[in-house]
Protein backbone atom coordinates (compact mmCIF):
# COMPACT_ATOMS: atom_id res chain seq x y z
CA UNK A 1 0.00 0.00 0.00
CA UNK A 2 2.66 2.47 1.05
CA UNK A 3 4.96 1.59 -1.87
CA UNK A 4 2.13 2.01 -4.36
CA UNK A 5 1.21 5.42 -2.88
CA UNK A 6 4.84 6.55 -3.05
CA UNK A 7 5.03 5.70 -6.73
CA UNK A 8 2.06 7.95 -7.43
CA UNK A 9 3.67 10.94 -5.71
CA UNK A 10 6.98 10.23 -7.45
CA UNK A 11 5.20 10.11 -10.80
CA UNK A 12 3.66 13.54 -10.24
CA UNK A 13 6.99 15.02 -9.16
CA UNK A 14 8.76 13.62 -12.23
CA UNK A 15 6.35 15.55 -14.46
CA UNK A 16 7.35 18.86 -12.89
CA UNK A 17 10.45 21.02 -13.27
CA UNK A 18 13.57 20.11 -11.33
CA UNK A 19 13.42 23.53 -9.69
CA UNK A 20 10.10 22.77 -8.02
CA UNK A 21 10.04 22.66 -4.24
CA UNK A 22 7.73 20.53 -2.10
CA UNK A 23 5.69 21.27 1.01
CA UNK A 24 4.26 18.22 2.80
CA UNK A 25 1.53 18.97 5.34
CA UNK A 26 -0.38 16.57 7.59
CA UNK A 27 -3.39 18.42 9.02
CA UNK A 28 -5.21 15.22 10.03
CA UNK A 29 -3.87 11.68 10.45
CA UNK A 30 -5.47 8.57 8.93
CA UNK A 31 -4.94 5.00 10.10
CA UNK A 32 -4.29 3.59 6.65
CA UNK A 33 -1.71 6.24 5.71
CA UNK A 34 1.89 6.45 6.98
CA UNK A 35 2.74 10.11 6.41
CA UNK A 36 6.36 10.01 7.66
CA UNK A 37 7.18 7.06 5.45
CA UNK A 38 5.92 8.95 2.38
CA UNK A 39 7.99 12.01 3.24
CA UNK A 40 11.07 9.87 3.75
CA UNK A 41 10.70 8.29 0.30
CA UNK A 42 10.40 11.73 -1.30
CA UNK A 43 13.49 13.03 0.50
CA UNK A 44 15.44 10.05 -0.78
CA UNK A 45 14.98 11.53 -4.27
CA UNK A 46 16.85 14.70 -3.21
CA UNK A 47 13.79 16.94 -3.48
CA UNK A 48 13.76 20.19 -1.47
CA UNK A 49 11.05 19.52 1.08
CA UNK A 50 9.32 21.50 3.82
CA UNK A 51 7.26 19.55 6.36
CA UNK A 52 4.42 21.00 8.42
CA UNK A 53 2.34 19.02 10.90
CA UNK A 54 -0.69 21.30 11.41
CA UNK A 55 -2.57 24.15 9.76
CA UNK A 56 -1.13 26.71 12.19
CA UNK A 57 2.37 25.32 11.58
CA UNK A 58 1.82 25.64 7.82
CA UNK A 59 0.64 29.25 8.20
CA UNK A 60 3.67 30.29 10.23
CA UNK A 61 6.10 28.46 7.91
CA UNK A 62 4.72 30.05 4.72
CA UNK A 63 4.10 33.52 6.13
CA UNK A 64 7.20 35.02 4.52
CA UNK A 65 7.44 32.58 1.62
CA UNK A 66 7.81 34.28 -1.78
CA UNK A 67 5.80 32.36 -4.34
CA UNK A 68 7.86 33.29 -7.37
CA UNK A 69 8.83 29.81 -8.55
CA UNK A 70 7.36 26.35 -9.11
CA UNK A 71 6.07 24.79 -5.91
CA UNK A 72 4.00 21.68 -5.12
CA UNK A 73 2.01 21.32 -1.92
CA UNK A 74 0.90 17.87 -0.81
CA UNK A 75 -1.73 18.03 1.91
CA UNK A 76 -3.22 15.22 3.99
CA UNK A 77 -6.27 16.27 5.93
CA UNK A 78 -10.01 16.30 6.57
CA UNK A 79 -12.63 18.94 5.77
CA UNK A 80 -12.25 20.85 9.05
CA UNK A 81 -8.69 21.84 8.05
CA UNK A 82 -8.89 21.70 4.25
CA UNK A 83 -11.55 24.41 3.92
CA UNK A 84 -9.53 27.00 5.94
CA UNK A 85 -6.44 25.90 4.00
CA UNK A 86 -8.13 26.63 0.65
CA UNK A 87 -9.32 29.99 1.99
CA UNK A 88 -5.71 30.83 2.90
CA UNK A 89 -4.22 30.02 -0.51
CA UNK A 90 -7.00 32.05 -2.13
CA UNK A 91 -6.28 35.03 0.13
CA UNK A 92 -2.54 34.71 -0.54
CA UNK A 93 -3.23 34.76 -4.31
CA UNK A 94 -1.62 31.36 -4.80
CA UNK A 95 -4.25 30.05 -7.20
CA UNK A 96 -2.59 30.62 -10.57
CA UNK A 97 -0.19 28.49 -12.55
CA UNK A 98 3.13 27.57 -10.98
CA UNK A 99 1.42 26.37 -7.79
CA UNK A 100 0.24 22.76 -7.79
CA UNK A 101 -1.88 21.24 -5.02
CA UNK A 102 -2.35 17.56 -4.25
CA UNK A 103 -4.98 16.93 -1.59
CA UNK A 104 -5.37 13.50 0.03
CA UNK A 105 -8.59 13.02 1.98
CA UNK A 106 -11.52 10.68 2.60
CA UNK A 107 -14.90 10.56 0.82
CA UNK A 108 -16.79 12.22 3.66
CA UNK A 109 -14.53 15.25 3.63
CA UNK A 110 -14.58 15.74 -0.12
CA UNK A 111 -18.33 16.43 -0.04
CA UNK A 112 -17.81 19.39 2.27
CA UNK A 113 -14.68 20.59 0.48
CA UNK A 114 -16.48 20.53 -2.86
CA UNK A 115 -19.03 23.04 -1.58
CA UNK A 116 -16.39 25.68 -0.81
CA UNK A 117 -16.78 28.48 -3.38
CA UNK A 118 -13.09 29.41 -3.50
CA UNK A 119 -11.95 25.93 -4.47
CA UNK A 120 -13.09 26.54 -8.05
CA UNK A 121 -10.47 29.28 -8.40
CA UNK A 122 -7.55 26.93 -7.65
CA UNK A 123 -6.34 25.94 -11.10
CA UNK A 124 -3.90 23.04 -10.46
CA UNK A 125 -5.68 20.95 -7.86
CA UNK A 126 -5.73 17.16 -7.73
CA UNK A 127 -7.94 15.26 -5.29
CA UNK A 128 -6.85 11.75 -4.28
CA UNK A 129 -9.18 9.64 -2.17
CA UNK A 130 -7.83 7.34 0.54
CA UNK A 131 -9.90 4.35 -0.52
CA UNK A 132 -8.53 4.60 -4.07
CA UNK A 133 -5.02 4.44 -2.68
CA UNK A 134 -5.87 1.20 -0.93
CA UNK A 135 -7.42 -0.36 -4.03
CA UNK A 136 -5.50 -2.64 -6.35
CA UNK A 137 -6.38 -0.54 -9.41
CA UNK A 138 -3.78 0.83 -11.77
CA UNK A 139 -2.18 4.25 -11.57
CA UNK A 140 -4.77 5.90 -13.84
CA UNK A 141 -7.67 4.90 -11.62
CA UNK A 142 -6.30 6.64 -8.58
CA UNK A 143 -8.05 9.81 -9.77
CA UNK A 144 -11.85 10.11 -9.77
CA UNK A 145 -13.43 9.15 -13.08
CA UNK A 146 -15.23 12.54 -13.15
CA UNK A 147 -12.87 15.14 -11.74
CA UNK A 148 -14.76 18.29 -10.66
CA UNK A 149 -11.44 20.09 -10.19
CA UNK A 150 -9.57 19.86 -13.50
CA UNK A 151 -5.87 20.55 -13.34
CA UNK A 152 -5.62 21.85 -16.90
CA UNK A 153 -7.68 24.75 -18.21
CA UNK A 154 -9.06 24.29 -21.74
CA UNK A 155 -11.89 26.76 -22.22
CA UNK A 156 -14.93 28.22 -20.49
CA UNK A 157 -17.37 25.94 -22.32
CA UNK A 158 -19.57 28.72 -23.66
CA UNK A 159 -20.08 30.42 -20.31
CA UNK A 160 -21.73 33.85 -20.32
CA UNK A 161 -19.53 36.34 -18.44
CA UNK A 162 -20.68 39.72 -17.15
CA UNK A 163 -18.63 42.84 -17.80
CA UNK A 164 -19.03 46.28 -16.25
CA UNK A 165 -18.37 49.24 -18.52
CA UNK A 166 -18.48 53.01 -18.65
CA UNK A 167 -18.59 54.64 -22.07
CA UNK A 168 -15.02 55.79 -22.70
CA UNK A 169 -14.12 56.58 -26.28
CA UNK A 170 -12.27 54.90 -27.98
CA UNK A 171 -12.14 51.93 -25.56
CA UNK A 172 -15.82 51.06 -25.09
CA UNK A 173 -18.92 52.86 -26.35
CA UNK A 174 -22.41 52.21 -27.67
CA UNK A 175 -23.21 52.54 -31.35
CA UNK A 176 -26.23 51.94 -33.58
CA UNK A 177 -26.29 49.71 -36.64
CA UNK A 178 -27.15 51.85 -39.67
CA UNK A 179 -29.12 49.02 -41.32
CA UNK A 180 -30.96 47.25 -38.50
CA UNK A 181 -31.00 50.25 -36.13
CA UNK A 182 -29.90 47.80 -33.43
CA UNK A 183 -27.78 49.00 -30.52
CA UNK A 184 -24.39 47.34 -30.20
CA UNK A 185 -20.99 47.91 -28.61
CA UNK A 186 -17.67 48.90 -30.09
CA UNK A 187 -14.25 50.02 -28.93
CA UNK A 188 -10.75 48.69 -28.33
CA UNK A 189 -11.54 46.86 -25.07
CA UNK A 190 -14.72 45.39 -26.58
CA UNK A 191 -12.77 44.02 -29.53
CA UNK A 192 -10.11 42.60 -27.18
CA UNK A 193 -12.44 40.64 -24.90
CA UNK A 194 -14.56 39.55 -27.87
CA UNK A 195 -11.52 38.21 -29.74
CA UNK A 196 -10.26 36.41 -26.62
CA UNK A 197 -13.82 35.11 -26.08
CA UNK A 198 -13.58 33.29 -29.40
CA UNK A 199 -10.35 31.65 -28.24
CA UNK A 200 -11.50 30.75 -24.71
CA UNK A 201 -15.13 30.02 -25.67
CA UNK A 202 -17.13 32.55 -23.66
CA UNK A 203 -19.61 35.31 -24.44
CA UNK A 204 -20.02 38.73 -22.83
CA UNK A 205 -22.99 40.66 -21.50
CA UNK A 206 -22.48 44.28 -20.44
CA UNK A 207 -23.67 46.12 -17.36
CA UNK A 208 -23.42 49.88 -16.85
CA UNK A 209 -21.37 51.20 -13.95
CA UNK A 210 -23.69 51.36 -10.94
CA UNK A 211 -22.79 54.98 -10.15
CA UNK A 212 -21.19 56.17 -13.39
CA UNK A 213 -17.65 56.05 -11.95
CA UNK A 214 -14.49 54.15 -12.75
CA UNK A 215 -13.48 53.30 -9.21
CA UNK A 216 -11.80 55.18 -6.40
CA UNK A 217 -11.25 54.00 -2.84
CA UNK A 218 -13.23 55.41 0.03
CA UNK A 219 -11.14 57.71 2.22
CA UNK A 220 -12.05 55.75 5.38
CA UNK A 221 -12.38 52.14 4.17
CA UNK A 222 -11.00 49.68 1.63
CA UNK A 223 -14.24 49.69 -0.37
CA UNK A 224 -14.20 51.00 -3.93
CA UNK A 225 -17.00 52.67 -5.80
CA UNK A 226 -17.71 52.45 -9.52
CA UNK A 227 -16.76 49.52 -11.72
CA UNK A 228 -13.80 48.52 -9.53
CA UNK A 229 -16.25 48.15 -6.63
CA UNK A 230 -18.56 45.99 -8.78
CA UNK A 231 -15.65 43.66 -9.56
CA UNK A 232 -14.50 43.70 -5.94
CA UNK A 233 -17.99 42.55 -4.85
CA UNK A 234 -17.92 39.92 -7.64
CA UNK A 235 -21.02 41.37 -9.31
CA UNK A 236 -19.22 41.12 -12.67
CA UNK A 237 -16.38 39.06 -14.14
CA UNK A 238 -14.71 41.81 -16.19
CA UNK A 239 -14.40 45.58 -16.18
CA UNK A 240 -13.46 47.49 -19.34
CA UNK A 241 -13.00 51.12 -20.30
CA UNK A 242 -9.43 52.51 -20.02
CA UNK A 243 -8.90 51.23 -16.45
CA UNK A 244 -5.51 52.30 -15.09
CA UNK A 245 -3.42 49.84 -13.08
CA UNK A 246 -2.60 51.00 -9.56
CA UNK A 247 -1.29 49.09 -6.51
CA UNK A 248 -4.30 50.33 -4.55
CA UNK A 249 -6.75 48.76 -7.00
CA UNK A 250 -4.72 45.58 -7.35
CA UNK A 251 -5.36 44.82 -3.69
CA UNK A 252 -8.99 43.92 -4.49
CA UNK A 253 -8.96 42.90 -8.19
CA UNK A 254 -6.65 41.38 -10.81
CA UNK A 255 -5.31 43.21 -13.85
CA UNK A 256 -4.63 41.59 -17.19
CA UNK A 257 -1.51 42.17 -19.25
CA UNK A 258 -1.14 45.86 -20.16
CA UNK A 259 -3.12 46.88 -23.24
CA UNK A 260 -1.91 50.47 -23.64
CA UNK A 261 0.67 52.85 -22.15
CA UNK A 262 0.02 56.56 -21.64
CA UNK A 263 0.48 59.32 -19.05
CA UNK A 264 -1.56 61.97 -17.32
CA UNK A 265 -1.73 65.58 -18.44
CA UNK A 266 -4.29 68.37 -18.71
CA UNK A 267 -5.99 70.52 -21.33
CA UNK A 268 -6.78 74.23 -21.34
CA UNK A 269 -8.30 76.63 -23.82
CA UNK A 270 -5.70 78.27 -26.02
CA UNK A 271 -5.02 81.88 -24.98
CA UNK A 272 -6.80 84.57 -27.02
CA UNK A 273 -4.74 86.55 -29.58
CA UNK A 274 -2.92 89.57 -28.17
CA UNK A 275 -4.64 92.90 -29.13
CA UNK A 276 -2.93 94.84 -31.91
CA UNK A 277 -2.12 97.79 -29.70
CA UNK A 278 -0.17 95.52 -27.39
CA UNK A 279 1.97 94.41 -30.34
CA UNK A 280 3.84 97.71 -30.01
CA UNK A 281 5.33 96.44 -26.78
CA UNK A 282 5.80 92.77 -27.74
CA UNK A 283 9.28 93.00 -29.33
CA UNK A 284 10.89 93.58 -25.93
CA UNK A 285 10.23 91.83 -22.64
CA UNK A 286 9.06 93.91 -19.69
CA UNK A 287 12.51 93.66 -18.09
CA UNK A 288 14.12 95.14 -21.21
CA UNK A 289 11.62 97.99 -21.34
CA UNK A 290 12.34 98.89 -17.72
CA UNK A 291 16.09 98.72 -18.35
CA UNK A 292 15.72 100.91 -21.44
CA UNK A 293 13.74 103.58 -19.56
CA UNK A 294 16.32 103.61 -16.77
CA UNK A 295 19.11 103.87 -19.35
CA UNK A 296 17.47 106.81 -21.15
CA UNK A 297 16.84 108.88 -18.04
CA UNK A 298 20.13 107.85 -16.48
CA UNK A 299 22.11 108.94 -19.53
CA UNK A 300 20.01 112.13 -19.86
CA UNK A 301 20.87 113.32 -16.35
CA UNK A 302 24.49 112.20 -16.67
CA UNK A 303 24.89 113.96 -20.01
CA UNK A 304 23.30 117.22 -18.78
CA UNK A 305 25.39 117.25 -15.58
CA UNK A 306 28.55 116.55 -17.58
CA UNK A 307 27.86 119.55 -19.79
CA UNK A 308 27.11 121.87 -16.86
CA UNK A 309 30.07 120.80 -14.76
CA UNK A 310 32.49 121.16 -17.64
CA UNK A 311 31.05 124.59 -18.61
CA UNK A 312 31.63 123.74 -22.27
CA UNK A 313 28.06 123.80 -23.53
CA UNK A 314 26.25 126.50 -21.59
CA UNK A 315 23.77 127.06 -24.42
CA UNK A 316 22.30 123.50 -24.08
CA UNK A 317 19.38 123.58 -21.66
CA UNK A 318 17.91 120.52 -19.97
CA UNK A 319 14.91 120.49 -22.31
CA UNK A 320 17.16 120.68 -25.36
CA UNK A 321 19.35 117.89 -24.01
CA UNK A 322 16.24 115.76 -23.51
CA UNK A 323 15.14 116.32 -27.11
CA UNK A 324 18.60 115.37 -28.32
CA UNK A 325 18.58 112.09 -26.41
CA UNK A 326 15.02 111.07 -27.33
CA UNK A 327 15.36 112.22 -30.93
CA UNK A 328 18.28 109.87 -31.42
CA UNK A 329 15.85 106.92 -31.44
CA UNK A 330 13.78 108.31 -34.33
CA UNK A 331 16.56 109.72 -36.52
CA UNK A 332 15.78 113.35 -35.76
CA UNK A 333 18.33 116.13 -36.24
CA UNK A 334 19.95 117.49 -33.08
CA UNK A 335 22.23 120.31 -32.07
CA UNK A 336 25.71 118.86 -32.01
CA UNK A 337 28.05 119.79 -29.15
CA UNK A 338 31.25 121.69 -29.98
CA UNK A 339 33.70 120.00 -27.65
CA UNK A 340 35.35 116.65 -28.53
CA UNK A 341 34.60 115.07 -25.15
CA UNK A 342 30.90 115.90 -25.51
CA UNK A 343 30.89 114.56 -29.07
CA UNK A 344 32.44 111.24 -27.96
CA UNK A 345 29.85 110.88 -25.20
CA UNK A 346 26.87 111.65 -27.43
CA UNK A 347 28.34 109.46 -30.20
CA UNK A 348 28.40 106.46 -27.86
CA UNK A 349 24.75 107.08 -27.12
CA UNK A 350 23.94 107.30 -30.85
CA UNK A 351 25.56 103.89 -31.42
CA UNK A 352 23.45 102.42 -28.62
CA UNK A 353 20.23 104.00 -29.94
CA UNK A 354 20.88 102.77 -33.50
CA UNK A 355 21.19 99.14 -32.25
CA UNK A 356 18.03 99.43 -30.15
CA UNK A 357 15.99 101.07 -32.92
CA UNK A 358 17.09 98.51 -35.54
CA UNK A 359 16.28 95.57 -33.25
CA UNK A 360 12.90 96.97 -32.28
CA UNK A 361 11.90 97.92 -35.83
CA UNK A 362 12.75 94.51 -37.27
CA UNK A 363 10.84 92.63 -34.59
CA UNK A 364 7.83 94.95 -34.73
CA UNK A 365 7.14 94.07 -38.38
CA UNK A 366 6.76 90.35 -37.56
CA UNK A 367 4.64 91.03 -34.49
CA UNK A 368 2.26 93.25 -36.48
CA UNK A 369 2.08 90.79 -39.40
CA UNK A 370 1.35 87.57 -37.47
CA UNK A 371 -1.26 87.37 -34.67
CA UNK A 372 0.41 86.74 -31.34
CA UNK A 373 -0.87 84.64 -28.44
CA UNK A 374 0.13 84.41 -24.83
CA UNK A 375 2.26 81.39 -23.94
CA UNK A 376 -0.01 78.42 -23.03
CA UNK A 377 0.13 76.70 -19.64
CA UNK A 378 2.26 73.55 -19.88
CA UNK A 379 3.08 72.50 -16.29
CA UNK A 380 1.19 71.79 -13.09
CA UNK A 381 3.18 74.52 -11.37
CA UNK A 382 1.99 77.07 -13.93
CA UNK A 383 -1.56 75.74 -13.62
CA UNK A 384 -1.44 76.10 -9.85
CA UNK A 385 -0.28 79.73 -10.09
CA UNK A 386 -2.83 80.63 -12.77
CA UNK A 387 -6.42 81.79 -12.29
CA UNK A 388 -7.81 78.72 -14.07
CA UNK A 389 -10.19 76.42 -12.22
CA UNK A 390 -9.53 72.67 -12.19
CA UNK A 391 -11.73 69.79 -13.36
CA UNK A 392 -11.01 66.32 -11.87
CA UNK A 393 -13.52 63.60 -12.73
CA UNK A 394 -14.85 61.94 -9.58
CA UNK A 395 -14.41 58.20 -9.27
CA UNK A 396 -11.13 58.08 -11.20
CA UNK A 397 -7.60 57.39 -9.98
CA UNK A 398 -7.00 61.17 -9.98
CA UNK A 399 -9.42 61.52 -7.08
CA UNK A 400 -7.21 59.28 -4.93
CA UNK A 401 -3.93 60.67 -6.28
CA UNK A 402 -4.74 64.34 -5.69
CA UNK A 403 -6.94 63.96 -2.60
CA UNK A 404 -4.57 61.69 -0.66
CA UNK A 405 -1.26 63.11 -1.92
CA UNK A 406 1.14 65.03 0.32
CA UNK A 407 2.75 66.77 -2.66
CA UNK A 408 2.02 70.53 -2.22
CA UNK A 409 1.03 71.18 -5.84
CA UNK A 410 -1.36 68.21 -5.85
CA UNK A 411 -2.91 69.43 -2.60
CA UNK A 412 -3.32 72.95 -3.98
CA UNK A 413 -4.94 71.72 -7.20
CA UNK A 414 -7.30 69.47 -5.22
CA UNK A 415 -8.39 72.47 -3.14
CA UNK A 416 -9.08 74.37 -6.35
CA UNK A 417 -11.24 71.51 -7.58
CA UNK A 418 -13.18 71.21 -4.30
CA UNK A 419 -13.85 74.95 -4.16
CA UNK A 420 -15.21 75.21 -7.71
CA UNK A 421 -17.04 71.84 -8.06
CA UNK A 422 -17.62 71.92 -11.85
CA UNK A 423 -20.91 70.61 -13.21
CA UNK A 424 -19.76 67.58 -15.25
CA UNK A 425 -19.95 63.88 -14.41
CA UNK A 426 -18.61 61.99 -17.44
CA UNK A 427 -15.39 62.01 -19.42
CA UNK A 428 -16.96 63.61 -22.50
CA UNK A 429 -19.06 66.11 -20.55
CA UNK A 430 -15.96 67.39 -18.74
CA UNK A 431 -14.13 67.61 -22.07
CA UNK A 432 -16.94 69.70 -23.61
CA UNK A 433 -17.19 71.79 -20.44
CA UNK A 434 -13.51 72.72 -20.66
CA UNK A 435 -13.66 73.29 -24.42
CA UNK A 436 -16.71 75.57 -24.40
CA UNK A 437 -16.33 77.57 -21.15
CA UNK A 438 -13.27 79.81 -20.61
CA UNK A 439 -11.32 79.66 -17.36
CA UNK A 440 -11.11 75.88 -16.84
CA UNK A 441 -8.53 73.11 -17.11
CA UNK A 442 -9.20 69.36 -17.22
CA UNK A 443 -6.81 66.75 -15.76
CA UNK A 444 -7.05 63.36 -17.48
CA UNK A 445 -4.99 60.73 -19.34
CA UNK A 446 -3.24 61.99 -22.46
CA UNK A 447 -4.55 59.22 -24.71
CA UNK A 448 -8.19 59.94 -23.84
CA UNK A 449 -7.77 63.70 -24.25
CA UNK A 450 -5.95 63.29 -27.56
CA UNK A 451 -8.60 60.87 -28.86
CA UNK A 452 -11.42 63.26 -27.99
CA UNK A 453 -9.51 66.23 -29.37
CA UNK A 454 -8.74 64.76 -32.79
CA UNK A 455 -12.27 63.39 -33.23
CA UNK A 456 -14.04 66.51 -31.95
CA UNK A 457 -16.38 68.06 -34.51
CA UNK A 458 -14.99 71.61 -34.37
CA UNK A 459 -15.06 73.83 -37.45
CA UNK A 460 -11.68 73.48 -39.13
CA UNK A 461 -12.03 76.99 -40.62
CA UNK A 462 -12.13 78.41 -37.12
CA UNK A 463 -9.51 76.06 -35.72
CA UNK A 464 -9.26 74.02 -32.54
CA UNK A 465 -9.16 76.10 -29.36
CA UNK A 466 -7.76 73.42 -27.02
CA UNK A 467 -4.18 73.00 -25.85
CA UNK A 468 -2.78 69.76 -24.37
CA UNK A 469 -0.04 70.47 -21.84
CA UNK A 470 3.44 69.13 -22.54
CA UNK A 471 4.19 68.04 -18.95
CA UNK A 472 3.85 64.32 -18.23
CA UNK A 473 2.91 63.07 -14.77
CA UNK A 474 1.42 59.87 -13.27
CA UNK A 475 2.36 57.22 -15.88
CA UNK A 476 -0.71 55.14 -16.76
CA UNK A 477 -1.01 51.55 -17.93
CA UNK A 478 -4.43 50.43 -19.15
CA UNK A 479 -5.59 46.85 -18.59
CA UNK A 480 -8.69 44.67 -18.45
CA UNK A 481 -9.96 44.10 -14.89
CA UNK A 482 -10.81 40.59 -13.68
CA UNK A 483 -12.01 39.26 -10.34
CA UNK A 484 -9.43 38.72 -7.66
CA UNK A 485 -7.65 35.36 -8.09
CA UNK A 486 -9.45 34.73 -11.38
CA UNK A 487 -8.69 31.11 -12.44
CA UNK A 488 -8.41 31.96 -16.15
CA UNK A 489 -6.17 35.02 -15.80
CA UNK A 490 -3.04 33.35 -17.22
CA UNK A 491 -4.93 32.00 -20.27
CA UNK A 492 -6.53 35.41 -20.79
CA UNK A 493 -3.10 37.08 -20.66
CA UNK A 494 -1.62 34.57 -23.09
CA UNK A 495 -4.33 35.37 -25.63
CA UNK A 496 -3.97 39.11 -25.01
CA UNK A 497 -0.21 38.98 -25.64
CA UNK A 498 -0.87 37.29 -28.99
CA UNK A 499 -3.22 40.13 -29.97
CA UNK A 500 -0.60 42.74 -29.05
CA UNK A 501 2.20 40.95 -30.88
CA UNK A 502 0.01 40.73 -33.99
CA UNK A 503 -0.45 44.52 -33.90
CA UNK A 504 -4.23 44.25 -33.71
CA UNK A 505 -4.73 46.61 -30.74
CA UNK A 506 -3.03 49.57 -32.46
CA UNK A 507 -4.82 48.73 -35.70
CA UNK A 508 -8.22 48.75 -33.97
CA UNK A 509 -7.43 52.05 -32.27
CA UNK A 510 -6.47 53.80 -35.50
CA UNK A 511 -9.53 52.46 -37.34
CA UNK A 512 -11.90 53.65 -34.59
CA UNK A 513 -10.37 57.16 -34.48
CA UNK A 514 -10.48 57.56 -38.27
CA UNK A 515 -14.07 56.33 -38.44
CA UNK A 516 -15.26 58.65 -35.66
CA UNK A 517 -13.50 61.67 -37.18
CA UNK A 518 -15.13 60.99 -40.54
CA UNK A 519 -18.56 60.62 -38.92
CA UNK A 520 -18.16 63.91 -37.04
CA UNK A 521 -17.14 65.74 -40.22
CA UNK A 522 -20.24 64.43 -41.98
CA UNK A 523 -22.46 65.58 -39.10
CA UNK A 524 -20.87 69.03 -39.15
CA UNK A 525 -21.35 69.24 -42.90
CA UNK A 526 -25.06 68.39 -42.58
CA UNK A 527 -25.53 71.04 -39.90
CA UNK A 528 -23.96 73.70 -42.13
CA UNK A 529 -26.11 72.66 -45.10
CA UNK A 530 -29.26 72.88 -42.98
CA UNK A 531 -28.30 76.38 -41.82
CA UNK A 532 -27.83 77.51 -45.41
């Protein structure tokens, strides 16, 4: 009996990598099973082995264990210890591939263990019954003929999965079929999960976000709102719509492989053109104008005092000296001094005035010819110092980042947002709000802002009035959201990587943007024709 049982364990170990480690745990003892003898036979094969003799011993021994390599756990026990054990490996996120579990128990215990909801999330789990070990059957018959816990994932057998979504162009949005007038879904994330659904054999039904938010954590608890909260409560299987990966969110859900990389930025309205009368002062900066005024009056007083002290030019009054100095900038004739020293002094001033006049005149032509604008705001520091109000969409990662941050600029911008409380509650509404109403800025991911900007139906003859800031902050990685410890995460990621390597995600994105821009141009053209 014991020799036959040892051969089964050895056979399983031989099918694994040589780098795999073993943990043997005896939570309950059985009369017809010699646990120490089995462990001894395994150790004879030079396998790295950890032995625990109770559930509490196992917990303390694996508390600091890093599960970053292949590991097999062989557990002997009854239902009273196996159910808490399965709960622990689920909580520790040890359900995915690379972690293999072999559970040895009796028939009475397996009925209770099979009712545990979390056991279905353990991918590589083999159940061996004690009475099968004692039988004289062959090796193949030591596993149940119908195994409710398969150790190899194939597909989802046509299962209907629920996905939460919030309309976020170009990732997920509703559209209407032009022929059948039927409502359907489109977008990058929709195409991704639909394509993977064909590979893994599942279908998707969509549910709107319960509160119209993406998902931010409550300031006083670990509960999330929005779509992240729906996935956290296991109301849905997926969440789609440009969801950004953050460590805070990953505590309660799982992220797929990254679908898109971007960063955070903000948009503002482009500054209005500078009035023509101000163009007279544009060639020089304010500092240069101040320096020039000081130089003129400084030289005027110095020149007049020099003439009076030297007693060479008594006929030159202060008013006449002033006209001489100011007239030098506009090529006016002046009364020339008689003495050589005075001529050298005034000649130096003429050289200076010629350089200033030539520089100013050349620059003034370009400033009067081309309309000038004030420099746009490109950094958070500039935004904080400006008079612009701030729009931050509630229920996004920016709510947590700016509200909970200790960075002074983030705190100041959050206070601006709280004080103004803009009237917009969706991504597109906030975009339109910022575009149409002066005095606002909108903080959001660059990719979303760029997509909305290039597909916006503004009149090209008038030009786009939005400016995307050049500063990059808060790097963002988009991903599909799955339930915590999802059993099909690795297969989902494998399929997603194939889509990325084939270049399909970028292809879908470009097609969607081009199609939307064309549709918006057609709508704008119809509106103009109706007005005419």
